[in-house]
Structures are given as structure tokens and as C-alpha cells.
Amino acid sequence: MILKRTIICLAFALLLSAGSPAWAHMPLCLCMDNGDNSITCQGGFSDGSSAAGVIMRIKSPDGRVLQEGRMDDSSEFTFMKPRADFLVVFDAGPEHQLRVPGSRIAQ
């Protein structure tokens, strides 16, 4: 589990550091199931800038907001995993939103 998480974090860091002019400020968000009913999402931008303060919303399939918060100073957001289907929304403003279906978050 620790090795898998380390590999994922390294791959994410490479994506953050590999910015190109065509992707000057593309949002990135990686969510991982912690195995204890919580999920941690790490965010950033392709130009290497921080996602600290970015709004995070956990939504139901019908669009209701189940949980809401912000990325912390480490560009992380941890939340309790809903019992039903859900969607994670990384909302850094217009043109900078990502949606991660709960079904795609690996343990």
C-alpha cells in the first residue's frame, strides 16, 4: 500500500513538473482511498503552482452537495467516503474544474 501510494505520488509530481506552454495552467487532481473510510485528494496545476485554497465538493449523482471544503496548505483535501455513489469536484474557477467519479478512486 505504501509503495503503491509512493509511486502514484511520484507520478503526480512528475505531471506537475512537466508543464508545457500548451498546458500552461491545467488543473490536476488525484484522489486515493485511504482504506479507512476516508479519501485524500491531492491537487495542483501543470505549471507547478499550488492548489491550496481550491474549493472541493463531494456531490451525489443528482447534484446535491454532500460535503464541501478547501485544499489545505499542502494542496490536500481529506473527506469521509459517502456510502452511496459520489463525485469529487475540484473547483478552481471557470475552465479549471475537474470531476472525479467515486467509482474511479482506487484503494
C-alpha atoms as a PDB file:
ATOM      1  CA  MET A   1       0.000   0.000   0.000  1.00  0.00           C
ATOM      2  CA  ILE A   2       2.770   2.459   0.917  1.00  0.00           C
ATOM      3  CA  LEU A   3       4.790   1.553  -2.197  1.00  0.00           C
ATOM      4  CA  LYS A   4       1.717   1.953  -4.429  1.00  0.00           C
ATOM      5  CA  ARG A   5       0.909   5.329  -2.878  1.00  0.00           C
ATOM      6  CA  THR A   6       4.547   6.455  -3.250  1.00  0.00           C
ATOM      7  CA  ILE A   7       4.568   5.501  -6.932  1.00  0.00           C
ATOM      8  CA  ILE A   8       1.292   7.353  -7.516  1.00  0.00           C
ATOM      9  CA  CYS A   9       2.621  10.433  -5.701  1.00  0.00           C
ATOM     10  CA  LEU A  10       5.835  10.376  -7.751  1.00  0.00           C
ATOM     11  CA  ALA A  11       3.867  10.102 -10.999  1.00  0.00           C
ATOM     12  CA  PHE A  12       1.680  13.007  -9.883  1.00  0.00           C
ATOM     13  CA  ALA A  13       4.762  15.084  -9.032  1.00  0.00           C
ATOM     14  CA  LEU A  14       6.205  14.392 -12.490  1.00  0.00           C
ATOM     15  CA  LEU A  15       2.976  15.576 -14.082  1.00  0.00           C
ATOM     16  CA  LEU A  16       3.130  18.756 -12.024  1.00  0.00           C
ATOM     17  CA  SER A  17       6.716  19.452 -13.018  1.00  0.00           C
ATOM     18  CA  ALA A  18       6.317  18.611 -16.713  1.00  0.00           C
ATOM     19  CA  GLY A  19       4.298  21.691 -17.671  1.00  0.00           C
ATOM     20  CA  SER A  20       4.471  22.810 -21.267  1.00  0.00           C
ATOM     21  CA  PRO A  21       3.313  26.034 -22.925  1.00  0.00           C
ATOM     22  CA  ALA A  22       0.252  24.234 -24.331  1.00  0.00           C
ATOM     23  CA  TRP A  23      -0.790  23.224 -20.805  1.00  0.00           C
ATOM     24  CA  ALA A  24       0.296  26.370 -19.015  1.00  0.00           C
ATOM     25  CA  HIS A  25      -2.118  26.089 -16.101  1.00  0.00           C
ATOM     26  CA  MET A  26      -4.070  22.831 -16.361  1.00  0.00           C
ATOM     27  CA  PRO A  27      -5.677  21.612 -13.102  1.00  0.00           C
ATOM     28  CA  LEU A  28      -4.627  18.220 -11.735  1.00  0.00           C
ATOM     29  CA  CYS A  29      -6.329  16.189  -9.020  1.00  0.00           C
ATOM     30  CA  LEU A  30      -5.542  12.689  -7.807  1.00  0.00           C
ATOM     31  CA  CYS A  31      -7.763  11.001  -5.212  1.00  0.00           C
ATOM     32  CA  MET A  32      -6.830   7.878  -3.233  1.00  0.00           C
ATOM     33  CA  ASP A  33      -8.889   5.689  -0.912  1.00  0.00           C
ATOM     34  CA  ASN A  34      -7.058   5.504   2.419  1.00  0.00           C
ATOM     35  CA  GLY A  35      -8.682   2.178   3.332  1.00  0.00           C
ATOM     36  CA  ASP A  36     -10.252   3.613   6.500  1.00  0.00           C
ATOM     37  CA  ASN A  37     -13.449   5.102   5.000  1.00  0.00           C
ATOM     38  CA  SER A  38     -11.610   8.294   4.114  1.00  0.00           C
ATOM     39  CA  ILE A  39     -10.319   9.588   0.793  1.00  0.00           C
ATOM     40  CA  THR A  40      -7.465  12.024   0.247  1.00  0.00           C
ATOM     41  CA  CYS A  41      -7.227  14.154  -2.881  1.00  0.00           C
ATOM     42  CA  GLN A  42      -4.029  15.917  -3.894  1.00  0.00           C
ATOM     43  CA  GLY A  43      -4.253  18.825  -6.292  1.00  0.00           C
ATOM     44  CA  GLY A  44      -2.121  21.237  -8.211  1.00  0.00           C
ATOM     45  CA  PHE A  45      -1.594  22.759 -11.614  1.00  0.00           C
ATOM     46  CA  SER A  46       0.539  21.680 -14.547  1.00  0.00           C
ATOM     47  CA  ASP A  47       2.739  24.747 -14.159  1.00  0.00           C
ATOM     48  CA  GLY A  48       3.697  23.551 -10.656  1.00  0.00           C
ATOM     49  CA  SER A  49       1.560  26.032  -8.750  1.00  0.00           C
ATOM     50  CA  SER A  50      -0.212  25.058  -5.555  1.00  0.00           C
ATOM     51  CA  ALA A  51      -3.887  24.182  -5.223  1.00  0.00           C
ATOM     52  CA  ALA A  52      -4.048  25.461  -1.632  1.00  0.00           C
ATOM     53  CA  GLY A  53      -7.465  27.009  -1.061  1.00  0.00           C
ATOM     54  CA  VAL A  54      -9.154  25.377  -4.063  1.00  0.00           C
ATOM     55  CA  ILE A  55     -12.788  24.515  -3.350  1.00  0.00           C
ATOM     56  CA  MET A  56     -13.579  20.794  -3.158  1.00  0.00           C
ATOM     57  CA  ARG A  57     -17.137  19.486  -3.321  1.00  0.00           C
ATOM     58  CA  ILE A  58     -18.409  15.964  -2.850  1.00  0.00           C
ATOM     59  CA  LYS A  59     -21.681  15.582  -4.752  1.00  0.00           C
ATOM     60  CA  SER A  60     -24.385  12.954  -5.080  1.00  0.00           C
ATOM     61  CA  PRO A  61     -25.368  11.725  -8.572  1.00  0.00           C
ATOM     62  CA  ASP A  62     -28.347  14.126  -8.531  1.00  0.00           C
ATOM     63  CA  GLY A  63     -26.047  17.112  -7.856  1.00  0.00           C
ATOM     64  CA  ARG A  64     -26.630  17.642  -4.133  1.00  0.00           C
ATOM     65  CA  VAL A  65     -23.533  18.811  -2.245  1.00  0.00           C
ATOM     66  CA  LEU A  66     -22.756  16.170   0.403  1.00  0.00           C
ATOM     67  CA  GLN A  67     -19.529  17.717   1.693  1.00  0.00           C
ATOM     68  CA  GLU A  68     -17.531  20.821   0.896  1.00  0.00           C
ATOM     69  CA  GLY A  69     -14.145  22.161   1.901  1.00  0.00           C
ATOM     70  CA  ARG A  70     -10.878  23.533   0.575  1.00  0.00           C
ATOM     71  CA  MET A  71      -7.465  22.161  -0.241  1.00  0.00           C
ATOM     72  CA  ASP A  72      -5.108  22.743   2.701  1.00  0.00           C
ATOM     73  CA  ASP A  73      -1.673  24.393   2.565  1.00  0.00           C
ATOM     74  CA  SER A  74      -0.244  21.082   1.282  1.00  0.00           C
ATOM     75  CA  SER A  75      -2.798  21.029  -1.582  1.00  0.00           C
ATOM     76  CA  GLU A  76      -4.623  18.089   0.016  1.00  0.00           C
ATOM     77  CA  PHE A  77      -8.249  17.510   0.945  1.00  0.00           C
ATOM     78  CA  THR A  78      -9.392  14.531   3.010  1.00  0.00           C
ATOM     79  CA  PHE A  79     -13.039  13.586   3.432  1.00  0.00           C
ATOM     80  CA  MET A  80     -15.164  10.722   4.706  1.00  0.00           C
ATOM     81  CA  LYS A  81     -16.253   8.394   1.904  1.00  0.00           C
ATOM     82  CA  PRO A  82     -20.027   8.567   1.276  1.00  0.00           C
ATOM     83  CA  ARG A  83     -21.933   5.281   1.441  1.00  0.00           C
ATOM     84  CA  ALA A  84     -23.588   5.806  -1.971  1.00  0.00           C
ATOM     85  CA  ASP A  85     -22.243   6.878  -5.377  1.00  0.00           C
ATOM     86  CA  PHE A  86     -20.498  10.240  -5.390  1.00  0.00           C
ATOM     87  CA  LEU A  87     -18.482  12.662  -7.476  1.00  0.00           C
ATOM     88  CA  VAL A  88     -15.462  14.703  -6.345  1.00  0.00           C
ATOM     89  CA  VAL A  89     -15.346  18.206  -7.854  1.00  0.00           C
ATOM     90  CA  PHE A  90     -12.075  20.174  -7.852  1.00  0.00           C
ATOM     91  CA  ASP A  91     -13.282  23.738  -8.464  1.00  0.00           C
ATOM     92  CA  ALA A  92     -10.551  26.299  -9.102  1.00  0.00           C
ATOM     93  CA  GLY A  93     -12.905  28.522 -11.113  1.00  0.00           C
ATOM     94  CA  PRO A  94     -14.101  28.681 -14.714  1.00  0.00           C
ATOM     95  CA  GLU A  95     -12.068  26.496 -17.082  1.00  0.00           C
ATOM     96  CA  HIS A  96     -10.298  24.970 -14.053  1.00  0.00           C
ATOM     97  CA  GLN A  97     -12.707  22.318 -12.814  1.00  0.00           C
ATOM     98  CA  LEU A  98     -12.159  18.585 -12.627  1.00  0.00           C
ATOM     99  CA  ARG A  99     -14.653  15.863 -11.791  1.00  0.00           C
ATOM    100  CA  VAL A 100     -13.552  12.522 -10.354  1.00  0.00           C
ATOM    101  CA  PRO A 101     -16.243   9.825 -10.093  1.00  0.00           C
ATOM    102  CA  GLY A 102     -16.057   7.936  -6.815  1.00  0.00           C
ATOM    103  CA  SER A 103     -16.060   4.665  -8.768  1.00  0.00           C
ATOM    104  CA  ARG A 104     -12.666   5.605 -10.263  1.00  0.00           C
ATOM    105  CA  ILE A 105     -10.897   6.152  -6.951  1.00  0.00           C
ATOM    106  CA  ALA A 106      -8.592   3.196  -6.343  1.00  0.00           C
ATOM    107  CA  GLN A 107      -7.738   1.696  -2.983  1.00  0.00           C
END
